N, C-alpha and C. Protein backbone atom coordinates (compact mmCIF):
# COMPACT_ATOMS: atom_id res chain seq x y z
N MET A 1 14.82 -25.74 15.29
CA MET A 1 13.09 -26.20 14.60
C MET A 1 12.28 -25.45 15.16
N ILE A 2 11.31 -24.46 15.01
CA ILE A 2 10.32 -24.22 15.71
C ILE A 2 8.51 -24.79 15.37
N HIS A 3 8.97 -25.95 16.04
CA HIS A 3 7.45 -26.68 16.37
C HIS A 3 6.35 -26.04 15.96
N ARG A 4 5.81 -26.44 14.84
CA ARG A 4 4.19 -26.47 13.97
C ARG A 4 3.01 -26.04 15.03
N THR A 5 3.12 -26.08 16.20
CA THR A 5 2.34 -25.87 17.14
C THR A 5 2.53 -24.19 17.84
N THR A 6 3.54 -23.69 17.32
CA THR A 6 4.44 -22.57 18.39
C THR A 6 3.16 -21.12 17.44
N ARG A 7 2.44 -20.76 19.26
CA ARG A 7 2.00 -19.52 19.01
C ARG A 7 2.71 -17.89 19.31
N TYR A 8 2.12 -17.16 18.00
CA TYR A 8 3.01 -15.64 18.16
C TYR A 8 1.63 -14.73 18.42
N GLU A 9 1.83 -13.84 19.27
CA GLU A 9 1.57 -12.05 18.86
C GLU A 9 1.91 -10.95 18.63
N TRP A 10 1.96 -11.23 17.41
CA TRP A 10 1.88 -9.50 16.86
C TRP A 10 1.73 -8.50 16.46
N GLY A 11 2.49 -7.16 16.68
CA GLY A 11 1.81 -6.13 16.06
C GLY A 11 2.17 -4.92 15.96
N VAL A 12 2.42 -3.75 15.80
CA VAL A 12 3.42 -2.72 16.08
C VAL A 12 2.80 -1.86 16.90
N TRP A 13 3.78 -1.64 17.69
CA TRP A 13 3.72 -0.69 18.61
C TRP A 13 4.56 0.76 18.92
N ASP A 14 4.81 1.96 18.87
CA ASP A 14 5.81 2.65 19.64
C ASP A 14 5.32 3.08 21.20
N GLU A 15 6.54 2.53 22.08
CA GLU A 15 5.96 3.07 23.30
C GLU A 15 6.11 3.96 24.00
N LEU A 16 6.67 4.76 22.91
CA LEU A 16 6.62 6.51 22.99
C LEU A 16 6.09 7.69 23.15
N VAL A 17 4.95 6.62 22.21
CA VAL A 17 4.02 7.11 21.55
C VAL A 17 3.25 6.60 22.87
N GLY A 18 2.08 5.76 22.19
CA GLY A 18 1.51 4.53 23.79
C GLY A 18 1.86 5.05 24.93
N THR A 19 1.46 6.19 25.35
CA THR A 19 1.60 6.43 26.94
C THR A 19 -0.11 5.64 27.51
N PRO A 20 0.46 5.42 28.97
CA PRO A 20 -0.82 5.83 30.08
C PRO A 20 -1.50 7.06 30.37
N GLU A 21 -0.35 8.33 29.83
CA GLU A 21 -1.35 10.08 29.88
C GLU A 21 -2.18 9.77 28.21
N ASN A 22 -2.15 8.88 27.57
CA ASN A 22 -3.56 8.44 26.66
C ASN A 22 -4.28 7.08 26.34
N SER A 23 -3.96 7.35 27.35
CA SER A 23 -4.51 5.33 27.37
C SER A 23 -3.51 4.83 26.72
N LEU A 24 -2.56 5.13 26.39
CA LEU A 24 -1.64 3.84 25.06
C LEU A 24 -2.27 3.77 24.03
N GLN A 25 -3.14 5.01 23.24
CA GLN A 25 -3.65 4.92 21.91
C GLN A 25 -2.53 6.05 21.34
N GLN A 26 -2.45 4.92 20.09
CA GLN A 26 -1.53 4.78 18.83
C GLN A 26 -1.88 5.64 17.56
N ARG A 27 -1.98 6.27 16.78
CA ARG A 27 -2.13 6.82 15.02
C ARG A 27 -1.46 6.45 15.14
N TYR A 28 -1.85 4.70 14.12
CA TYR A 28 -0.61 4.35 12.61
C TYR A 28 -0.77 5.62 11.49
N ASP A 29 0.59 5.45 11.28
CA ASP A 29 0.74 5.87 9.94
C ASP A 29 1.42 5.21 8.90
N LEU A 30 1.30 5.70 7.22
CA LEU A 30 2.86 4.44 6.74
C LEU A 30 3.33 3.44 7.21
N ARG A 31 4.37 4.39 8.32
CA ARG A 31 5.18 3.52 7.79
C ARG A 31 5.33 2.22 9.30
N ASP A 32 3.58 2.99 10.03
CA ASP A 32 3.25 1.56 10.74
C ASP A 32 2.07 0.41 9.22
N ALA A 33 2.08 1.35 8.55
CA ALA A 33 1.64 0.59 7.43
C ALA A 33 2.32 -0.56 6.53
N LEU A 34 3.09 -0.36 6.09
CA LEU A 34 5.18 -1.16 5.67
C LEU A 34 5.70 -1.40 6.74
N ALA A 35 5.43 -1.78 8.31
CA ALA A 35 5.51 -2.23 9.22
C ALA A 35 4.91 -3.61 8.98
N PHE A 36 3.16 -2.57 9.05
CA PHE A 36 2.03 -4.40 9.30
C PHE A 36 2.69 -5.39 7.49
N GLY A 37 2.70 -5.12 6.76
CA GLY A 37 3.38 -5.65 5.34
C GLY A 37 4.11 -6.40 5.40
N ALA A 38 5.55 -5.40 5.71
CA ALA A 38 6.92 -7.23 5.98
C ALA A 38 6.68 -7.97 7.55
N TRP A 39 5.83 -8.13 8.43
CA TRP A 39 5.30 -8.80 9.05
C TRP A 39 4.31 -10.36 8.57
N LEU A 40 3.15 -9.69 7.91
CA LEU A 40 2.98 -10.76 7.03
C LEU A 40 3.71 -11.58 6.00
N ASN A 41 4.51 -11.04 5.40
CA ASN A 41 5.36 -11.92 4.83
C ASN A 41 6.64 -12.41 4.90
N VAL A 42 6.66 -12.79 6.53
CA VAL A 42 7.51 -12.59 7.63
C VAL A 42 6.46 -14.22 7.60
N LEU A 43 5.46 -13.57 8.43
CA LEU A 43 4.32 -15.31 8.65
C LEU A 43 3.78 -15.86 7.48
N VAL A 44 3.69 -14.71 7.47
CA VAL A 44 3.67 -16.35 5.40
C VAL A 44 4.87 -17.53 4.73
N GLY A 45 5.36 -16.58 4.63
CA GLY A 45 7.00 -16.50 4.87
C GLY A 45 7.61 -18.17 5.29
N GLN A 46 7.21 -18.27 6.67
CA GLN A 46 7.25 -19.08 7.68
C GLN A 46 6.17 -19.76 7.92
N SER A 47 5.51 -19.54 7.29
CA SER A 47 3.85 -20.48 7.78
C SER A 47 3.52 -22.07 8.24
N ALA A 48 4.88 -22.69 8.06
CA ALA A 48 5.18 -24.50 7.38
C ALA A 48 5.58 -24.39 8.82
N SER A 49 6.01 -22.92 9.59
CA SER A 49 6.49 -23.48 11.62
C SER A 49 6.04 -23.11 12.51
N ILE A 50 4.63 -21.96 11.18
CA ILE A 50 4.03 -20.56 12.33
C ILE A 50 3.00 -21.84 12.90
N GLY A 51 2.40 -22.00 13.14
CA GLY A 51 1.53 -23.41 14.23
C GLY A 51 0.03 -21.47 14.46
N LEU A 52 0.36 -20.71 14.76
CA LEU A 52 -1.55 -20.01 14.87
C LEU A 52 -0.03 -18.15 15.78
N ALA A 53 -1.13 -16.92 14.62
CA ALA A 53 -0.31 -16.11 15.08
C ALA A 53 -1.65 -14.32 14.44
N CYS A 54 -1.40 -14.39 15.78
CA CYS A 54 -2.57 -13.81 16.00
C CYS A 54 -2.63 -11.88 17.18
N LEU A 55 -2.72 -10.65 15.81
CA LEU A 55 -2.53 -9.66 16.00
C LEU A 55 -3.16 -9.36 17.19
N ALA A 56 -2.14 -8.60 17.78
CA ALA A 56 -2.37 -8.51 19.43
C ALA A 56 -3.61 -8.01 20.17
N GLN A 57 -4.06 -6.08 18.90
CA GLN A 57 -5.66 -6.79 19.29
C GLN A 57 -5.71 -5.61 17.57
N THR A 58 -7.22 -5.85 18.22
CA THR A 58 -7.89 -5.97 16.59
C THR A 58 -8.81 -4.54 16.33
N VAL A 59 -8.95 -4.49 18.08
CA VAL A 59 -10.08 -3.55 18.08
C VAL A 59 -9.00 -2.25 18.99
N HIS A 60 -9.19 -0.67 19.34
CA HIS A 60 -8.75 0.10 20.31
C HIS A 60 -7.07 -0.15 20.48
N VAL A 61 -7.05 0.84 20.86
CA VAL A 61 -5.45 1.02 21.25
C VAL A 61 -4.14 0.86 20.36
N ILE A 62 -3.71 -0.55 20.23
CA ILE A 62 -2.57 -0.90 19.47
C ILE A 62 -3.79 -1.78 18.75
N ALA A 63 -3.81 -1.03 17.75
CA ALA A 63 -4.92 -1.91 16.89
C ALA A 63 -5.87 -1.18 15.23
N PRO A 64 -5.89 -1.16 13.99
CA PRO A 64 -6.03 -1.52 12.74
C PRO A 64 -7.64 -0.52 12.57
N LEU A 65 -8.19 -0.53 14.26
CA LEU A 65 -10.23 0.27 13.69
C LEU A 65 -9.99 0.65 15.46
N ASN A 66 -10.48 1.96 14.86
CA ASN A 66 -11.11 2.38 17.05
C ASN A 66 -11.60 2.25 16.70
N THR A 67 -13.27 2.74 17.57
CA THR A 67 -14.17 3.19 17.41
C THR A 67 -14.09 5.07 18.05
N ARG A 68 -15.44 5.30 17.07
CA ARG A 68 -15.02 6.98 17.90
C ARG A 68 -17.64 7.33 17.76
N LEU A 69 -17.06 7.74 18.41
CA LEU A 69 -18.77 8.83 18.47
C LEU A 69 -19.09 8.70 17.61
N GLU A 70 -19.23 9.66 16.09
CA GLU A 70 -18.79 9.36 14.86
C GLU A 70 -19.19 8.26 13.43
N GLY A 71 -17.96 7.05 15.14
CA GLY A 71 -18.00 6.36 13.56
C GLY A 71 -16.98 4.84 14.15
N VAL A 72 -16.20 4.37 13.11
CA VAL A 72 -14.84 3.33 12.83
C VAL A 72 -13.89 4.51 12.18
N LEU A 73 -12.62 4.65 12.32
CA LEU A 73 -10.89 5.79 12.08
C LEU A 73 -10.71 3.82 11.22
N HIS A 74 -10.10 3.83 10.17
CA HIS A 74 -10.07 3.07 9.76
C HIS A 74 -7.93 3.14 9.85
N HIS A 75 -7.06 2.94 10.51
CA HIS A 75 -6.28 3.45 10.27
C HIS A 75 -5.25 2.80 8.88
N PRO A 76 -3.61 3.31 8.11
CA PRO A 76 -3.28 2.09 7.03
C PRO A 76 -3.30 0.83 7.94
N THR A 77 -3.15 0.74 8.84
CA THR A 77 -2.57 -0.59 9.31
C THR A 77 -4.23 -1.79 8.72
N TYR A 78 -4.94 -1.16 8.92
CA TYR A 78 -6.18 -1.97 8.68
C TYR A 78 -5.97 -2.42 7.11
N ASP A 79 -6.24 -1.38 6.27
CA ASP A 79 -6.27 -1.04 4.06
C ASP A 79 -4.88 -3.11 4.35
N VAL A 80 -3.58 -2.52 5.02
CA VAL A 80 -2.54 -4.03 4.52
C VAL A 80 -3.50 -4.93 4.72
N LEU A 81 -3.85 -5.33 5.66
CA LEU A 81 -4.88 -6.31 6.76
C LEU A 81 -5.95 -7.11 5.46
N CYS A 82 -6.65 -6.05 5.73
CA CYS A 82 -7.56 -5.99 4.37
C CYS A 82 -7.11 -6.75 3.13
N LEU A 83 -6.51 -5.84 2.62
CA LEU A 83 -5.65 -6.71 0.51
C LEU A 83 -4.74 -7.26 1.37
N SER A 84 -3.97 -7.72 2.20
CA SER A 84 -3.79 -9.03 2.71
C SER A 84 -4.83 -10.51 2.76
N SER A 85 -5.62 -9.74 3.39
CA SER A 85 -6.93 -11.04 3.51
C SER A 85 -7.29 -11.39 2.42
N GLN A 86 -6.74 -10.53 1.50
CA GLN A 86 -8.28 -10.38 0.08
C GLN A 86 -6.73 -11.42 -0.91
N HIS A 87 -5.96 -10.91 -1.31
CA HIS A 87 -5.11 -11.74 -1.94
C HIS A 87 -3.77 -12.48 -1.39
N MET A 88 -3.64 -12.99 0.35
CA MET A 88 -2.77 -13.92 0.67
C MET A 88 -3.57 -14.77 0.52
N ARG A 89 -4.05 -15.27 0.42
CA ARG A 89 -5.39 -17.14 0.75
C ARG A 89 -4.56 -17.99 -0.15
N ASP A 90 -5.42 -19.07 -0.49
CA ASP A 90 -5.03 -20.54 -0.35
C ASP A 90 -3.45 -20.92 0.10
N THR A 91 -2.57 -21.00 -0.72
CA THR A 91 -1.25 -22.36 -0.43
C THR A 91 -0.27 -20.97 -0.50
N ALA A 92 0.40 -21.72 0.35
CA ALA A 92 2.12 -20.82 0.34
C ALA A 92 3.32 -21.22 -0.22
N VAL A 93 3.68 -21.02 -1.71
CA VAL A 93 4.31 -22.44 -2.01
C VAL A 93 6.03 -21.55 -1.55
N ARG A 94 6.67 -22.14 -1.76
CA ARG A 94 7.79 -22.01 -1.89
C ARG A 94 8.68 -21.97 -2.87
N VAL A 95 9.19 -20.77 -3.71
CA VAL A 95 9.70 -20.55 -5.67
C VAL A 95 11.66 -20.89 -5.26
N ALA A 96 11.78 -22.29 -5.39
CA ALA A 96 13.54 -21.90 -5.37
C ALA A 96 13.34 -22.23 -7.02
N TYR A 97 15.34 -20.81 -7.45
CA TYR A 97 14.91 -21.13 -9.27
C TYR A 97 17.16 -21.22 -9.27
N ALA A 98 17.81 -21.56 -9.62
CA ALA A 98 18.92 -21.32 -9.89
C ALA A 98 18.88 -20.15 -10.66
N LYS A 99 18.94 -19.52 -11.69
CA LYS A 99 19.32 -18.66 -12.47
C LYS A 99 18.05 -17.76 -13.44
N ALA A 100 18.30 -16.35 -13.47
CA ALA A 100 17.53 -15.91 -13.82
C ALA A 100 17.88 -14.65 -15.15
N VAL A 101 17.11 -15.35 -16.30
CA VAL A 101 17.60 -14.41 -17.40
C VAL A 101 17.16 -12.49 -17.08
N LYS A 102 17.65 -11.60 -16.66
CA LYS A 102 17.07 -10.18 -16.63
C LYS A 102 17.40 -9.38 -18.03
N ASP A 103 16.48 -8.20 -18.34
CA ASP A 103 16.83 -7.36 -19.64
C ASP A 103 17.15 -6.06 -18.80
N SER A 104 17.16 -5.66 -19.50
CA SER A 104 17.50 -4.08 -19.19
C SER A 104 16.71 -2.90 -18.58
N VAL A 105 15.17 -3.46 -19.26
CA VAL A 105 13.91 -2.90 -17.99
C VAL A 105 13.65 -3.68 -16.64
N GLY A 106 14.12 -4.31 -16.46
CA GLY A 106 14.32 -4.27 -14.88
C GLY A 106 13.53 -6.56 -14.72
N ARG A 107 13.11 -6.51 -16.00
CA ARG A 107 12.19 -7.90 -16.32
C ARG A 107 13.65 -8.77 -15.99
N ALA A 108 12.61 -10.24 -15.32
CA ALA A 108 13.06 -11.66 -15.16
C ALA A 108 12.20 -12.58 -15.40
N ASP A 109 13.05 -13.72 -15.93
CA ASP A 109 12.39 -14.24 -16.19
C ASP A 109 13.05 -15.68 -16.08
N PHE A 110 12.34 -16.48 -15.34
CA PHE A 110 13.08 -18.08 -14.90
C PHE A 110 11.69 -19.18 -15.04
N ASP A 111 11.84 -20.19 -15.70
CA ASP A 111 11.54 -20.40 -16.70
C ASP A 111 10.32 -21.03 -16.96
N GLY A 112 9.98 -19.31 -17.71
CA GLY A 112 8.91 -19.35 -18.13
C GLY A 112 7.91 -18.27 -17.35
N LEU A 113 8.74 -17.71 -16.32
CA LEU A 113 7.39 -17.40 -15.13
C LEU A 113 7.85 -15.85 -15.15
N SER A 114 7.97 -14.75 -15.27
CA SER A 114 8.50 -13.19 -15.87
C SER A 114 7.68 -12.41 -14.55
N CYS A 115 8.90 -11.56 -14.23
CA CYS A 115 7.69 -10.95 -13.26
C CYS A 115 8.97 -9.66 -13.01
N THR A 116 8.71 -8.66 -12.80
CA THR A 116 8.93 -7.56 -12.85
C THR A 116 9.78 -6.81 -12.18
N LEU A 117 11.05 -6.63 -12.08
CA LEU A 117 11.81 -5.71 -11.39
C LEU A 117 12.19 -6.84 -9.56
N LEU A 118 12.52 -7.61 -10.24
CA LEU A 118 12.94 -9.29 -9.57
C LEU A 118 13.89 -9.39 -8.90
N GLU A 119 14.08 -9.38 -7.72
CA GLU A 119 15.28 -10.57 -6.69
C GLU A 119 14.76 -11.55 -6.24
N GLY A 120 14.21 -11.53 -5.64
CA GLY A 120 13.26 -12.84 -4.85
C GLY A 120 12.44 -13.26 -5.44
N ILE A 121 11.13 -14.14 -5.28
CA ILE A 121 9.46 -14.54 -5.28
C ILE A 121 9.56 -15.41 -3.32
N SER A 122 8.69 -14.55 -3.12
CA SER A 122 8.42 -15.38 -2.12
C SER A 122 7.64 -16.18 -1.55
N ARG A 123 5.98 -15.23 -2.91
CA ARG A 123 5.04 -16.76 -2.55
C ARG A 123 4.92 -15.79 -3.86
N THR A 124 3.99 -17.35 -3.86
CA THR A 124 2.48 -18.05 -4.78
C THR A 124 1.74 -17.85 -4.72
N ARG A 125 0.58 -17.68 -5.53
CA ARG A 125 -0.93 -18.55 -5.58
C ARG A 125 -1.65 -18.45 -6.98
N PRO A 126 -1.88 -20.17 -6.58
CA PRO A 126 -2.54 -19.87 -8.25
C PRO A 126 -3.61 -19.16 -8.08
N CYS A 127 -4.14 -19.24 -10.08
CA CYS A 127 -5.19 -18.35 -10.32
C CYS A 127 -6.10 -19.05 -11.19
N ARG A 128 -5.45 -19.03 -12.05
CA ARG A 128 -5.69 -20.58 -12.56
C ARG A 128 -5.05 -20.63 -13.78
N PRO A 129 -5.11 -22.68 -13.33
CA PRO A 129 -3.91 -23.21 -14.41
C PRO A 129 -3.94 -22.78 -16.29
N PRO A 130 -2.79 -22.66 -16.27
CA PRO A 130 -1.52 -22.19 -15.65
C PRO A 130 -0.87 -20.56 -14.98
N ARG A 131 -2.00 -20.04 -15.29
CA ARG A 131 -1.13 -19.13 -14.99
C ARG A 131 -1.33 -19.00 -13.02
N ILE A 132 -0.10 -18.50 -12.63
CA ILE A 132 0.35 -17.55 -11.70
C ILE A 132 -0.01 -16.29 -10.99
N ILE A 133 0.09 -15.92 -9.81
CA ILE A 133 -0.11 -15.31 -8.92
C ILE A 133 1.40 -14.81 -8.89
N ALA A 134 2.30 -14.23 -8.47
CA ALA A 134 3.40 -14.18 -8.06
C ALA A 134 3.92 -12.87 -6.53
N GLN A 135 3.83 -12.61 -5.42
CA GLN A 135 4.12 -12.04 -4.98
C GLN A 135 5.86 -11.79 -4.95
N ILE A 136 5.64 -10.12 -4.50
CA ILE A 136 7.11 -9.93 -5.04
C ILE A 136 7.63 -9.25 -3.99
N ILE A 137 8.47 -9.48 -3.94
CA ILE A 137 9.61 -7.92 -2.34
C ILE A 137 10.46 -8.17 -2.70
N SER A 138 11.60 -6.85 -2.65
CA SER A 138 12.61 -7.01 -3.20
C SER A 138 12.83 -5.91 -2.42
N LYS A 139 14.04 -5.34 -3.28
CA LYS A 139 14.98 -4.27 -2.68
C LYS A 139 15.66 -3.84 -3.67
N PRO A 140 15.20 -2.09 -4.08
CA PRO A 140 15.61 -2.00 -5.51
C PRO A 140 17.57 -1.48 -5.26
N THR A 141 18.17 -1.78 -6.47
CA THR A 141 19.14 -2.01 -6.43
C THR A 141 19.79 -0.47 -7.56
N ASP A 142 20.59 0.15 -8.14
CA ASP A 142 21.42 1.43 -8.30
C ASP A 142 20.85 1.38 -10.20
N SER A 143 20.97 0.23 -10.19
CA SER A 143 20.73 -0.05 -11.36
C SER A 143 18.99 0.49 -11.59
N TRP A 144 17.60 0.56 -11.22
CA TRP A 144 16.67 0.24 -11.55
C TRP A 144 16.01 1.93 -11.23
N ALA A 145 15.39 2.29 -12.06
CA ALA A 145 14.35 3.55 -12.16
C ALA A 145 13.45 3.75 -12.14
N LEU A 146 13.35 4.45 -10.24
CA LEU A 146 11.88 4.51 -10.10
C LEU A 146 11.06 5.04 -9.75
């Protein structure tokens, strides 16, 4: 079991791109943004056992923001952090369910909670009772039309 006061430093870094020759600078792309999102979901999902999770760097080198003479460069990872800070607040709620009823268009109902293309509900955030906003993380299956 992880003690609640455990501290983590996390981030996305490609050691083949960030080399001493280019001052370890990284340019992030969509793959990195997806990795950021995945890590944020893991950290929120395990928030009961993580005391503190710090992004390795916030500005420069391996960071979502880089400063230039012309201004600030926002990498795609910045957008993930920004959206997460706006929509992943309040309380992380672990949702457990016994059985789902799915229809042909990929919707599922769990005791009155409906979600589209649902395989697992990872976290929810109460909005206005009785409404719930659910963050859905899922793997596509062959039966889903994308």
